[in-house]
C-alpha atoms as a PDB file:
ATOM      1  CA  MET A   1     -19.794   9.538 -10.406  1.00  0.00           C
ATOM      2  CA  GLN A   2     -17.690   9.214 -13.549  1.00  0.00           C
ATOM      3  CA  ASN A   3     -14.587  10.434 -11.668  1.00  0.00           C
ATOM      4  CA  ILE A   4     -14.993   7.685  -9.078  1.00  0.00           C
ATOM      5  CA  ILE A   5     -15.357   5.014 -11.759  1.00  0.00           C
ATOM      6  CA  MET A   6     -12.306   6.293 -13.645  1.00  0.00           C
ATOM      7  CA  THR A   7     -10.244   6.386 -10.435  1.00  0.00           C
ATOM      8  CA  LEU A   8     -11.236   2.801  -9.597  1.00  0.00           C
ATOM      9  CA  ALA A   9     -10.458   1.662 -13.150  1.00  0.00           C
ATOM     10  CA  PHE A  10      -6.972   3.172 -12.944  1.00  0.00           C
ATOM     11  CA  SER A  11      -6.496   1.663  -9.498  1.00  0.00           C
ATOM     12  CA  MET A  12      -7.435  -1.831 -10.682  1.00  0.00           C
ATOM     13  CA  VAL A  13      -4.669  -1.711 -13.287  1.00  0.00           C
ATOM     14  CA  LEU A  14      -2.164  -0.368 -10.766  1.00  0.00           C
ATOM     15  CA  LEU A  15      -2.812  -3.166  -8.243  1.00  0.00           C
ATOM     16  CA  ILE A  16      -0.343  -5.402 -10.068  1.00  0.00           C
ATOM     17  CA  PHE A  17       2.368  -2.742 -10.154  1.00  0.00           C
ATOM     18  CA  MET A  18       1.978  -1.674  -6.513  1.00  0.00           C
ATOM     19  CA  ILE A  19       2.659  -5.129  -5.052  1.00  0.00           C
ATOM     20  CA  TYR A  20       6.442  -4.727  -5.207  1.00  0.00           C
ATOM     21  CA  PRO A  21       6.580  -1.302  -3.469  1.00  0.00           C
ATOM     22  CA  ALA A  22       4.197  -2.575  -0.778  1.00  0.00           C
ATOM     23  CA  ILE A  23       6.389  -5.609  -0.124  1.00  0.00           C
ATOM     24  CA  ARG A  24       9.485  -3.414   0.082  1.00  0.00           C
ATOM     25  CA  ILE A  25       7.813  -0.990   2.528  1.00  0.00           C
ATOM     26  CA  VAL A  26       6.562  -3.807   4.776  1.00  0.00           C
ATOM     27  CA  ASP A  27      10.017  -5.453   4.657  1.00  0.00           C
ATOM     28  CA  PHE A  28      11.521  -2.170   5.831  1.00  0.00           C
ATOM     29  CA  LEU A  29       8.958  -1.934   8.627  1.00  0.00           C
ATOM     30  CA  GLN A  30       9.709  -5.520   9.619  1.00  0.00           C
ATOM     31  CA  THR A  31      13.358  -4.620  10.183  1.00  0.00           C
ATOM     32  CA  LYS A  32      12.276  -1.805  12.526  1.00  0.00           C
ATOM     33  CA  PHE A  33       9.441  -3.581  14.335  1.00  0.00           C
ATOM     34  CA  GLU A  34       8.577  -7.167  15.211  1.00  0.00           C
ATOM     35  CA  ILE A  35       5.776  -8.150  12.813  1.00  0.00           C
ATOM     36  CA  SER A  36       4.108 -11.568  12.737  1.00  0.00           C
ATOM     37  CA  GLU A  37       3.541 -13.359   9.439  1.00  0.00           C
ATOM     38  CA  LYS A  38      -0.210 -12.728   9.585  1.00  0.00           C
ATOM     39  CA  ALA A  39       0.331  -9.009  10.179  1.00  0.00           C
ATOM     40  CA  TYR A  40       2.965  -8.966   7.420  1.00  0.00           C
ATOM     41  CA  ASN A  41       0.540 -10.429   4.880  1.00  0.00           C
ATOM     42  CA  LEU A  42      -2.334  -8.199   5.954  1.00  0.00           C
ATOM     43  CA  SER A  43      -0.132  -5.098   5.855  1.00  0.00           C
ATOM     44  CA  THR A  44       1.089  -5.977   2.368  1.00  0.00           C
ATOM     45  CA  VAL A  45      -2.449  -6.380   1.023  1.00  0.00           C
ATOM     46  CA  ILE A  46      -3.749  -3.200   2.644  1.00  0.00           C
ATOM     47  CA  LEU A  47      -0.720  -1.180   1.567  1.00  0.00           C
ATOM     48  CA  THR A  48      -1.043  -2.468  -2.003  1.00  0.00           C
ATOM     49  CA  ILE A  49      -4.662  -1.312  -2.152  1.00  0.00           C
ATOM     50  CA  VAL A  50      -3.866   2.069  -0.585  1.00  0.00           C
ATOM     51  CA  LEU A  51      -0.927   2.726  -2.912  1.00  0.00           C
ATOM     52  CA  SER A  52      -2.955   1.801  -5.986  1.00  0.00           C
ATOM     53  CA  LEU A  53      -5.812   4.089  -4.899  1.00  0.00           C
ATOM     54  CA  ILE A  54      -3.419   6.972  -4.302  1.00  0.00           C
ATOM     55  CA  CYS A  55      -1.809   6.511  -7.718  1.00  0.00           C
ATOM     56  CA  GLY A  56      -5.238   6.119  -9.345  1.00  0.00           C
ATOM     57  CA  VAL A  57      -6.386   9.421  -7.878  1.00  0.00           C
ATOM     58  CA  LEU A  58      -3.180  11.130  -8.994  1.00  0.00           C
ATOM     59  CA  ILE A  59      -3.522   9.784 -12.539  1.00  0.00           C
ATOM     60  CA  ASN A  60      -7.182  10.789 -12.727  1.00  0.00           C
ATOM     61  CA  TYR A  61      -6.734  14.350 -11.465  1.00  0.00           C
ATOM     62  CA  LEU A  62      -3.354  15.276 -12.963  1.00  0.00           C
END
Protein backbone atom coordinates (compact mmCIF):
# COMPACT_ATOMS: atom_id res chain seq x y z
CA MET A 1 0.00 0.00 0.00
CA GLN A 2 2.87 2.35 0.79
CA ASN A 3 4.34 1.83 -2.71
CA ILE A 4 1.07 2.91 -4.31
CA ILE A 5 0.89 6.04 -2.16
CA MET A 6 4.51 6.94 -2.92
CA THR A 7 3.96 6.41 -6.66
CA LEU A 8 0.88 8.65 -6.61
CA ALA A 9 2.74 11.31 -4.61
CA PHE A 10 5.55 11.37 -7.17
CA SER A 11 3.02 11.44 -9.99
CA MET A 12 1.17 14.43 -8.52
CA VAL A 13 4.39 16.46 -8.57
CA LEU A 14 5.20 15.34 -12.11
CA LEU A 15 1.80 16.40 -13.50
CA ILE A 16 3.06 19.95 -13.93
CA PHE A 17 6.23 18.86 -15.73
CA MET A 18 4.51 16.38 -18.06
CA ILE A 19 2.14 18.93 -19.62
CA TYR A 20 4.72 20.16 -22.14
CA PRO A 21 5.73 16.69 -23.45
CA ALA A 22 2.05 15.73 -23.74
CA ILE A 23 1.29 18.85 -25.76
CA ARG A 24 4.25 18.18 -28.04
CA ILE A 25 3.21 14.54 -28.61
CA VAL A 26 -0.40 15.49 -29.38
CA ASP A 27 0.81 18.27 -31.72
CA PHE A 28 2.88 15.68 -33.57
CA LEU A 29 -0.12 13.36 -33.79
CA GLN A 30 -2.25 16.23 -35.07
CA THR A 31 0.12 16.71 -38.00
CA LYS A 32 -0.29 13.02 -38.90
CA PHE A 33 -4.02 12.65 -38.25
CA GLU A 34 -7.05 14.93 -38.31
CA ILE A 35 -7.90 15.58 -34.65
CA SER A 36 -10.78 17.78 -33.47
CA GLU A 37 -10.23 20.34 -30.72
CA LYS A 38 -12.21 18.27 -28.21
CA ALA A 39 -10.14 15.17 -28.98
CA TYR A 40 -6.96 17.28 -28.83
CA ASN A 41 -7.78 18.53 -25.33
CA LEU A 42 -8.86 15.12 -24.08
CA SER A 43 -5.75 13.47 -25.51
CA THR A 44 -3.52 16.06 -23.87
CA VAL A 45 -5.09 15.53 -20.44
CA ILE A 46 -5.01 11.74 -20.67
CA LEU A 47 -1.45 11.69 -21.98
CA THR A 48 -0.32 14.05 -19.21
CA ILE A 49 -1.75 11.71 -16.57
CA VAL A 50 -0.28 8.61 -18.21
CA LEU A 51 3.18 10.15 -18.58
CA SER A 52 3.21 11.34 -14.97
CA LEU A 53 2.16 7.88 -13.74
CA ILE A 54 4.87 6.20 -15.81
CA CYS A 55 7.53 8.58 -14.48
CA GLY A 56 6.18 8.19 -10.93
CA VAL A 57 6.51 4.42 -11.15
CA LEU A 58 10.03 4.72 -12.56
CA ILE A 59 11.09 7.10 -9.79
CA ASN A 60 9.58 4.89 -7.10
CA TYR A 61 11.12 1.62 -8.28
CA LEU A 62 14.52 2.79 -9.55
